[in-house]
Amino acid sequence: MSSTLYGLPDDVMIYKFTFLSIPDILRLRLENAFELDILANNYPFDTDDLDIEHRTCQAYGLASRWLADSPLTPKIETIFIGSPVYGINFIPGRQHKFVLTVSVVGKRQRLLTIWDTTRQQKCSEWSSKDDVITRTAINVDAESEAGVAVSLDRQQKIVLLHLDDDGILHEIHTIDMNLDAVTLTGDILALSDMRNKFRTLIFNWKTSACSYLEFDSDTDPGSCHHVVFTPSTILVGHTTYINLFKMPSILDGETLTPIATHFFGLTEGSSVPIPAPNNPLSILIHPDDPGNDDSYSLELYSLSSFPPILTSKTPDRFINFVLGRHSTAICVRDSDDYCHKTLIAAVFPGPLNATSEVRVREILCPLSNNWTPLDYDEDLGRIAFMSAKSGHEPHDELMILHI
């Protein structure tokens, strides 16, 4: 409810309410509950859900499960059984029903497949023929024309694909550049170059306008893993470095240098979510230090200032992870027993953990001894991962878990 209504005398407010229909009054009540119980507490919620009652109830229920002391008991769905998959992503928008997988067919062929999680069926496939897909980027803007960017090795080009409401992939544009698509946001691509690891290209595929992000170092930065856009900055994350650049007002071909840089040393992995409104950037890293007993633990840093501030460290060993923007992460916990890894949630201090310690909550155990990178939709409490099943007829299963 707006502050204007709060400031009115009671009799005036009651008089104004006489002009409202019952649905209007109910909507005001729901908007008030959403603002006070969800937004004010910085809980995750579905930004695409226009049904305010469903959005409020879904967000409140998810937050309650995170905050409760009772065990997490996720609902598990098996979508399909098929060939080995090495990449998996939830697709934003479109009622959150689509998942993209990248699989290997034969020696070189790569196959993109769209799956409908509501119908639990395949929608479409797109093949690179005899080429190798070096990178895929999913558009974070669900309304954008280009939904997926695919970098091809042999053909040295980037193909943009449109995903329609039926889950069909259509080629709509080709960019003749031998670069890797790291991030796709609206019409803007962030492209990395393995031949010059110190430079990242920011490119508008509709207008061909561009700018370069470049930094100097005596140390090999490693591969570019992340490019995250905020309203005022661009964060570029490599294996060893992160660099913060000022967001250019226009793409005019200029070369920008960092406004801040930090060297983490070697890392085995990292995850950087797009921050929630009015929240700082954060990064979860897995340091690669063989001489350190904690080398498998995860470290959460706030990027509200530079150098980054270490805010939390997990107590266990993890080997794969995805961080959400409300301080929850889905991780695979390592084990000395090769066949008994565990899918867990690490809830860092924040809106869903009022304590000062990281809460580690088991989700699924044991995992199979062979699994692929997972994806995590924090707003809806969904996890997607592939589980390899051994036996007489080995196969992979796409699993969707609902927290």
Protein backbone atom coordinates (compact mmCIF):
# COMPACT_ATOMS: atom_id res chain seq x y z
CA MET A 1 0.00 0.00 0.00
CA SER A 2 1.39 3.40 -0.90
CA SER A 3 2.61 5.90 1.68
CA THR A 4 -0.09 8.30 0.38
CA LEU A 5 -2.84 6.01 1.67
CA TYR A 6 -1.04 5.50 4.98
CA GLY A 7 -1.01 9.26 5.54
CA LEU A 8 -4.77 9.74 5.04
CA PRO A 9 -7.16 10.13 7.97
CA ASP A 10 -9.18 6.97 8.64
CA ASP A 11 -12.51 8.45 7.58
CA VAL A 12 -11.07 9.74 4.29
CA MET A 13 -9.48 6.36 3.55
CA ILE A 14 -12.75 4.53 4.24
CA TYR A 15 -14.59 6.96 1.97
CA LYS A 16 -12.11 6.37 -0.85
CA PHE A 17 -12.48 2.61 -0.44
CA THR A 18 -16.22 2.89 -1.13
CA PHE A 19 -15.33 3.70 -4.75
CA LEU A 20 -13.27 0.54 -5.16
CA SER A 21 -14.53 -2.85 -6.26
CA ILE A 22 -13.82 -5.93 -4.15
CA PRO A 23 -11.16 -7.18 -6.63
CA ASP A 24 -9.43 -3.78 -6.39
CA ILE A 25 -9.40 -3.94 -2.59
CA LEU A 26 -8.05 -7.49 -2.67
CA ARG A 27 -5.32 -6.41 -5.07
CA LEU A 28 -4.31 -3.58 -2.73
CA ARG A 29 -4.09 -6.10 0.11
CA LEU A 30 -1.91 -8.41 -1.97
CA GLU A 31 0.34 -5.57 -3.14
CA ASN A 32 0.77 -4.54 0.47
CA ALA A 33 1.65 -8.12 1.48
CA PHE A 34 4.12 -8.41 -1.42
CA GLU A 35 5.87 -5.15 -0.51
CA LEU A 36 6.04 -5.84 3.25
CA ASP A 37 6.70 -9.60 3.26
CA ILE A 38 8.69 -10.16 0.05
CA LEU A 39 10.35 -6.97 -1.21
CA ALA A 40 11.16 -5.56 2.23
CA ASN A 41 12.84 -8.84 3.23
CA ASN A 42 14.73 -9.15 -0.08
CA TYR A 43 13.28 -12.62 -0.73
CA PRO A 44 13.57 -14.16 -4.22
CA PHE A 45 10.46 -14.00 -6.39
CA ASP A 46 9.38 -14.61 -9.97
CA THR A 47 9.78 -11.27 -11.74
CA ASP A 48 7.83 -12.54 -14.77
CA ASP A 49 4.71 -13.60 -12.85
CA LEU A 50 2.00 -10.96 -13.35
CA ASP A 51 -0.45 -12.75 -11.03
CA ILE A 52 0.40 -10.93 -7.80
CA GLU A 53 -1.40 -13.44 -5.58
CA HIS A 54 0.45 -16.40 -7.09
CA ARG A 55 3.76 -14.50 -7.10
CA THR A 56 3.41 -13.50 -3.44
CA CYS A 57 2.34 -16.94 -2.22
CA GLN A 58 5.02 -18.73 -4.26
CA ALA A 59 7.78 -16.43 -2.98
CA TYR A 60 6.59 -16.64 0.63
CA GLY A 61 6.42 -20.44 0.48
CA LEU A 62 9.92 -20.72 -0.99
CA ALA A 63 11.39 -18.35 1.60
CA SER A 64 9.66 -20.26 4.40
CA ARG A 65 11.25 -23.52 3.25
CA TRP A 66 14.69 -21.90 3.19
CA LEU A 67 14.25 -20.39 6.66
CA ALA A 68 12.78 -23.50 8.32
CA ASP A 69 14.92 -25.90 10.33
CA SER A 70 13.21 -28.91 8.79
CA PRO A 71 14.99 -30.91 6.03
CA LEU A 72 14.55 -29.88 2.40
CA THR A 73 12.41 -32.43 0.57
CA PRO A 74 12.53 -31.49 -3.11
CA LYS A 75 10.09 -32.71 -5.70
CA ILE A 76 12.02 -34.59 -8.40
CA GLU A 77 11.05 -34.82 -12.07
CA THR A 78 12.83 -36.90 -14.71
CA ILE A 79 12.44 -35.19 -18.07
CA PHE A 80 14.18 -37.56 -20.48
CA ILE A 81 16.68 -40.32 -20.98
CA GLY A 82 19.30 -39.76 -23.66
CA SER A 83 22.87 -39.20 -24.80
CA PRO A 84 25.60 -37.57 -22.67
CA VAL A 85 25.15 -33.85 -21.99
CA TYR A 86 27.89 -31.39 -21.03
CA GLY A 87 25.84 -28.19 -20.73
CA ILE A 88 22.44 -27.31 -19.29
CA ASN A 89 20.56 -24.02 -18.82
CA PHE A 90 17.14 -22.85 -17.75
CA ILE A 91 15.64 -20.48 -20.35
CA PRO A 92 14.29 -17.20 -18.85
CA GLY A 93 10.66 -16.25 -19.49
CA ARG A 94 8.19 -18.28 -21.56
CA GLN A 95 6.46 -19.38 -18.32
CA HIS A 96 9.78 -20.91 -17.21
CA LYS A 97 9.03 -24.15 -19.00
CA PHE A 98 12.07 -24.54 -21.27
CA VAL A 99 15.50 -26.04 -20.59
CA LEU A 100 18.41 -26.07 -23.06
CA THR A 101 20.93 -28.92 -23.16
CA VAL A 102 24.15 -29.22 -25.18
CA SER A 103 25.09 -32.79 -26.03
CA VAL A 104 27.72 -34.64 -28.04
CA VAL A 105 26.73 -36.69 -31.08
CA GLY A 106 29.50 -38.70 -32.72
CA LYS A 107 33.08 -37.44 -32.61
CA ARG A 108 32.55 -33.73 -33.32
CA GLN A 109 28.89 -32.89 -33.72
CA ARG A 110 27.24 -30.82 -31.01
CA LEU A 111 23.49 -30.72 -30.53
CA LEU A 112 21.32 -28.10 -28.83
CA THR A 113 18.01 -29.44 -27.55
CA ILE A 114 15.07 -27.56 -26.07
CA TRP A 115 12.98 -29.49 -23.53
CA ASP A 116 9.54 -28.57 -22.21
CA THR A 117 9.64 -29.27 -18.47
CA THR A 118 5.86 -29.01 -18.08
CA ARG A 119 5.11 -31.62 -20.76
CA GLN A 120 8.38 -33.49 -20.12
CA GLN A 121 9.13 -33.77 -23.82
CA LYS A 122 11.57 -32.63 -26.49
CA CYS A 123 10.56 -29.50 -28.45
CA SER A 124 13.35 -28.97 -30.98
CA GLU A 125 16.99 -29.54 -31.88
CA TRP A 126 19.65 -27.43 -33.54
CA SER A 127 22.85 -28.97 -34.84
CA SER A 128 26.27 -27.56 -35.59
CA LYS A 129 26.66 -30.34 -38.16
CA ASP A 130 30.35 -31.31 -38.19
CA ASP A 131 31.48 -28.27 -36.23
CA VAL A 132 32.28 -27.86 -32.53
CA ILE A 133 30.28 -25.51 -30.35
CA THR A 134 32.87 -23.72 -28.23
CA ARG A 135 30.44 -21.59 -26.21
CA THR A 136 26.74 -20.87 -25.75
CA ALA A 137 25.19 -17.82 -24.12
CA ILE A 138 21.56 -17.61 -23.01
CA ASN A 139 19.88 -14.19 -23.21
CA VAL A 140 18.92 -12.92 -19.77
CA ASP A 141 16.26 -10.73 -21.44
CA ALA A 142 13.33 -13.05 -22.12
CA GLU A 143 11.70 -10.57 -24.52
CA SER A 144 14.73 -10.17 -26.78
CA GLU A 145 14.62 -11.47 -30.35
CA ALA A 146 17.83 -13.48 -30.00
CA GLY A 147 17.51 -16.07 -27.26
CA VAL A 148 20.75 -18.04 -27.69
CA ALA A 149 24.20 -17.19 -29.07
CA VAL A 150 26.36 -20.08 -30.30
CA SER A 151 30.08 -19.84 -31.11
CA LEU A 152 31.35 -22.29 -33.74
CA ASP A 153 35.00 -23.34 -33.96
CA ARG A 154 35.70 -24.45 -37.54
CA GLN A 155 33.40 -21.94 -39.22
CA GLN A 156 34.72 -19.14 -36.95
CA LYS A 157 31.37 -17.46 -36.54
CA ILE A 158 28.60 -16.80 -34.03
CA VAL A 159 25.05 -17.91 -34.77
CA LEU A 160 22.10 -16.22 -33.08
CA LEU A 161 18.99 -18.32 -32.49
CA HIS A 162 15.43 -17.23 -31.75
CA LEU A 163 13.30 -19.42 -29.48
CA ASP A 164 9.58 -19.22 -30.21
CA ASP A 165 6.73 -19.94 -27.80
CA ASP A 166 6.54 -23.56 -29.01
CA GLY A 167 10.17 -24.20 -28.10
CA ILE A 168 11.46 -24.19 -31.69
CA LEU A 169 14.93 -22.76 -32.40
CA HIS A 170 15.33 -20.60 -35.54
CA GLU A 171 18.56 -19.15 -36.99
CA ILE A 172 18.12 -15.38 -37.33
CA HIS A 173 21.62 -13.90 -37.67
CA THR A 174 25.27 -14.80 -38.20
CA ILE A 175 28.29 -12.81 -37.02
CA ASP A 176 31.55 -13.54 -38.84
CA MET A 177 33.87 -13.35 -35.83
CA ASN A 178 36.17 -15.98 -34.37
CA LEU A 179 35.19 -15.10 -30.80
CA ASP A 180 33.45 -16.82 -27.90
CA ALA A 181 30.02 -15.61 -26.78
CA VAL A 182 30.22 -15.16 -23.00
CA THR A 183 27.09 -13.11 -22.25
CA LEU A 184 23.98 -12.08 -24.18
CA THR A 185 21.85 -9.28 -22.71
CA GLY A 186 19.15 -7.88 -24.98
CA ASP A 187 20.91 -6.97 -28.24
CA ILE A 188 24.34 -6.74 -26.56
CA LEU A 189 26.94 -9.52 -26.75
CA ALA A 190 30.07 -9.82 -24.64
CA LEU A 191 32.68 -11.71 -26.68
CA SER A 192 36.05 -13.05 -25.55
CA ASP A 193 39.12 -13.79 -27.67
CA MET A 194 41.40 -16.68 -26.68
CA ARG A 195 44.15 -15.13 -28.84
CA ASN A 196 44.04 -11.94 -26.73
CA LYS A 197 42.79 -12.85 -23.27
CA PHE A 198 43.20 -9.28 -22.03
CA ARG A 199 40.48 -7.91 -24.33
CA THR A 200 36.69 -8.32 -24.33
CA LEU A 201 34.43 -7.00 -27.09
CA ILE A 202 31.03 -5.47 -26.25
CA PHE A 203 28.99 -5.72 -29.46
CA ASN A 204 25.46 -4.73 -30.50
CA TRP A 205 24.49 -7.39 -33.03
CA LYS A 206 21.72 -5.27 -34.59
CA THR A 207 23.73 -2.08 -35.15
CA SER A 208 27.31 -3.48 -35.15
CA ALA A 209 28.27 -0.75 -32.66
CA CYS A 210 31.01 -1.88 -30.28
CA SER A 211 33.47 -0.98 -27.55
CA TYR A 212 36.47 -2.83 -26.12
CA LEU A 213 37.29 -3.66 -22.51
CA GLU A 214 41.03 -4.14 -22.05
CA PHE A 215 43.49 -4.51 -19.17
CA ASP A 216 47.22 -5.12 -18.74
CA SER A 217 48.91 -7.79 -16.65
CA ASP A 218 52.15 -9.73 -16.48
CA THR A 219 50.16 -12.82 -15.46
CA ASP A 220 48.06 -14.97 -17.77
CA PRO A 221 44.44 -14.17 -16.79
CA GLY A 222 43.15 -17.50 -18.08
CA SER A 223 39.81 -17.96 -19.79
CA CYS A 224 37.02 -15.40 -19.57
CA HIS A 225 34.22 -17.03 -17.56
CA HIS A 226 31.86 -14.15 -16.76
CA VAL A 227 30.75 -10.79 -18.09
CA VAL A 228 28.04 -9.26 -15.90
CA PHE A 229 26.25 -6.03 -16.77
CA THR A 230 24.84 -3.69 -14.13
CA PRO A 231 23.30 -0.26 -14.79
CA SER A 232 26.62 1.49 -14.10
CA THR A 233 29.38 -1.11 -14.49
CA ILE A 234 30.57 -4.21 -16.36
CA LEU A 235 32.33 -6.98 -14.44
CA VAL A 236 34.68 -9.23 -16.43
CA GLY A 237 35.83 -12.38 -14.65
CA HIS A 238 38.76 -14.55 -15.76
CA THR A 239 40.32 -17.61 -14.12
CA THR A 240 42.69 -15.46 -12.05
CA TYR A 241 41.43 -11.86 -12.34
CA ILE A 242 38.27 -9.83 -12.07
CA ASN A 243 38.09 -6.38 -13.67
CA LEU A 244 35.42 -3.74 -13.17
CA PHE A 245 34.72 -1.30 -16.00
CA LYS A 246 32.47 1.73 -16.19
CA MET A 247 29.41 1.12 -18.35
CA PRO A 248 29.87 3.17 -21.54
CA SER A 249 27.03 5.55 -22.35
CA ILE A 250 27.29 4.56 -26.02
CA LEU A 251 29.22 1.94 -27.98
CA ASP A 252 31.48 4.10 -30.12
CA GLY A 253 34.50 1.91 -30.76
CA GLU A 254 36.50 3.23 -27.82
CA THR A 255 38.73 1.05 -25.64
CA LEU A 256 37.94 1.19 -21.92
CA THR A 257 40.33 0.35 -19.10
CA PRO A 258 39.32 -0.98 -15.67
CA ILE A 259 38.28 1.27 -12.82
CA ALA A 260 39.18 -1.58 -10.42
CA THR A 261 41.12 -4.86 -10.65
CA HIS A 262 41.66 -7.78 -8.30
CA PHE A 263 43.90 -10.84 -8.60
CA PHE A 264 42.47 -13.97 -6.94
CA GLY A 265 45.17 -16.38 -8.04
CA LEU A 266 44.25 -19.66 -9.68
CA THR A 267 40.65 -20.76 -9.22
CA GLU A 268 38.91 -24.02 -10.05
CA GLY A 269 35.63 -22.25 -10.71
CA SER A 270 33.54 -19.20 -9.94
CA SER A 271 29.93 -18.03 -10.07
CA VAL A 272 28.69 -14.44 -10.41
CA PRO A 273 24.92 -13.81 -10.41
CA ILE A 274 23.28 -10.70 -11.81
CA PRO A 275 22.68 -8.71 -8.60
CA ALA A 276 19.21 -7.93 -7.27
CA PRO A 277 18.20 -4.24 -7.54
CA ASN A 278 20.16 -2.02 -5.12
CA ASN A 279 22.41 -4.94 -4.13
CA PRO A 280 26.17 -5.13 -4.78
CA LEU A 281 27.83 -7.67 -7.02
CA SER A 282 29.11 -10.82 -5.34
CA ILE A 283 31.32 -13.70 -6.49
CA LEU A 284 31.66 -17.26 -5.22
CA ILE A 285 35.02 -18.84 -6.00
CA HIS A 286 36.75 -22.18 -5.56
CA PRO A 287 40.44 -21.39 -4.92
CA ASP A 288 42.98 -23.71 -6.52
CA ASP A 289 45.71 -24.04 -3.90
CA PRO A 290 47.02 -27.63 -3.59
CA GLY A 291 49.04 -26.70 -0.50
CA ASN A 292 45.98 -25.46 1.38
CA ASP A 293 43.79 -27.90 3.30
CA ASP A 294 40.80 -25.64 2.55
CA SER A 295 41.43 -25.63 -1.20
CA TYR A 296 38.07 -27.29 -1.88
CA SER A 297 36.05 -24.86 0.23
CA LEU A 298 34.11 -22.03 -1.41
CA GLU A 299 34.72 -18.35 -0.67
CA LEU A 300 32.02 -15.69 -1.04
CA TYR A 301 33.20 -12.15 -1.73
CA SER A 302 31.23 -8.92 -1.82
CA LEU A 303 32.25 -6.60 -4.65
CA SER A 304 30.75 -3.52 -3.01
CA SER A 305 34.33 -2.22 -2.85
CA PHE A 306 37.80 -3.15 -4.13
CA PRO A 307 39.64 -5.14 -3.05
CA PRO A 308 36.67 -7.52 -2.63
CA ILE A 309 35.57 -8.36 0.91
CA LEU A 310 35.59 -12.02 1.99
CA THR A 311 32.25 -12.45 3.76
CA SER A 312 31.86 -16.22 4.15
CA LYS A 313 33.62 -19.53 3.62
CA THR A 314 31.98 -22.95 3.38
CA PRO A 315 33.06 -25.69 5.81
CA ASP A 316 32.97 -28.53 3.26
CA ARG A 317 34.63 -29.50 -0.02
CA PHE A 318 32.66 -28.64 -3.14
CA ILE A 319 33.42 -29.38 -6.77
CA ASN A 320 30.58 -27.71 -8.68
CA PHE A 321 28.33 -24.80 -7.74
CA VAL A 322 25.95 -22.04 -8.88
CA LEU A 323 25.35 -18.91 -6.77
CA GLY A 324 21.99 -17.13 -6.67
CA ARG A 325 21.69 -13.39 -6.12
CA HIS A 326 19.95 -13.80 -2.74
CA SER A 327 22.92 -15.62 -1.15
CA THR A 328 21.91 -19.23 -1.74
CA ALA A 329 24.08 -21.60 -3.75
CA ILE A 330 23.53 -25.10 -5.08
CA CYS A 331 26.69 -27.21 -4.84
CA VAL A 332 27.99 -30.72 -5.24
CA ARG A 333 29.79 -31.83 -2.08
CA ASP A 334 32.82 -33.99 -2.68
CA SER A 335 33.48 -37.27 -0.92
CA ASP A 336 36.37 -39.69 -0.61
CA ASP A 337 33.88 -42.27 -1.84
CA TYR A 338 33.69 -41.70 -5.61
CA CYS A 339 30.08 -42.92 -5.75
CA HIS A 340 28.68 -40.86 -2.87
CA LYS A 341 28.69 -37.20 -3.77
CA THR A 342 25.86 -35.06 -2.40
CA LEU A 343 23.79 -32.26 -3.89
CA ILE A 344 23.50 -29.62 -1.19
CA ALA A 345 22.42 -26.02 -0.67
CA ALA A 346 24.81 -23.55 0.93
CA VAL A 347 22.77 -20.72 2.43
CA PHE A 348 25.07 -17.79 3.17
CA PRO A 349 24.25 -15.08 5.74
CA GLY A 350 21.65 -12.86 4.14
CA PRO A 351 17.88 -12.63 3.63
CA LEU A 352 17.37 -16.42 3.87
CA ASN A 353 19.82 -17.01 6.71
CA ALA A 354 19.71 -14.68 9.71
CA THR A 355 22.77 -16.27 11.36
CA SER A 356 26.43 -15.38 10.84
CA GLU A 357 27.36 -18.90 9.71
CA VAL A 358 26.85 -20.69 6.38
CA ARG A 359 23.99 -23.19 6.61
CA VAL A 360 24.67 -26.37 4.64
CA ARG A 361 21.49 -28.26 3.79
CA GLU A 362 21.39 -31.61 2.05
CA ILE A 363 19.12 -31.89 -1.00
CA LEU A 364 19.92 -35.20 -2.67
CA CYS A 365 22.27 -38.04 -1.75
CA PRO A 366 23.89 -39.95 -3.25
CA LEU A 367 24.45 -38.49 -6.68
CA SER A 368 25.56 -40.82 -9.42
CA ASN A 369 29.30 -41.07 -9.92
CA ASN A 370 29.04 -39.16 -13.19
CA TRP A 371 27.16 -35.88 -13.49
CA THR A 372 27.45 -32.76 -15.60
CA PRO A 373 27.29 -29.01 -14.85
CA LEU A 374 24.07 -28.03 -13.18
CA ASP A 375 21.92 -24.91 -13.37
CA TYR A 376 19.96 -23.15 -10.64
CA ASP A 377 16.92 -20.88 -10.81
CA GLU A 378 16.88 -19.24 -7.38
CA ASP A 379 13.71 -17.20 -7.97
CA LEU A 380 11.64 -20.35 -8.44
CA GLY A 381 13.75 -22.74 -6.36
CA ARG A 382 14.55 -25.05 -9.30
CA ILE A 383 17.67 -27.11 -9.96
CA ALA A 384 18.53 -28.86 -13.24
CA PHE A 385 21.29 -31.43 -13.64
CA MET A 386 22.15 -34.55 -15.59
CA SER A 387 22.54 -37.85 -13.81
CA ALA A 388 24.43 -40.65 -15.55
CA LYS A 389 23.01 -44.08 -14.86
CA SER A 390 25.20 -47.15 -15.22
CA GLY A 391 24.10 -50.72 -15.72
CA HIS A 392 23.13 -52.93 -18.64
CA GLU A 393 22.09 -49.90 -20.75
CA PRO A 394 23.97 -46.78 -19.55
CA HIS A 395 22.07 -43.53 -20.11
CA ASP A 396 21.74 -39.94 -18.91
CA GLU A 397 18.67 -38.52 -17.19
CA LEU A 398 17.76 -34.84 -17.02
CA MET A 399 16.55 -34.17 -13.48
CA ILE A 400 14.53 -31.13 -12.38
CA LEU A 401 14.33 -30.59 -8.62
CA HIS A 402 11.87 -28.19 -6.98
CA ILE A 403 12.93 -27.06 -3.51
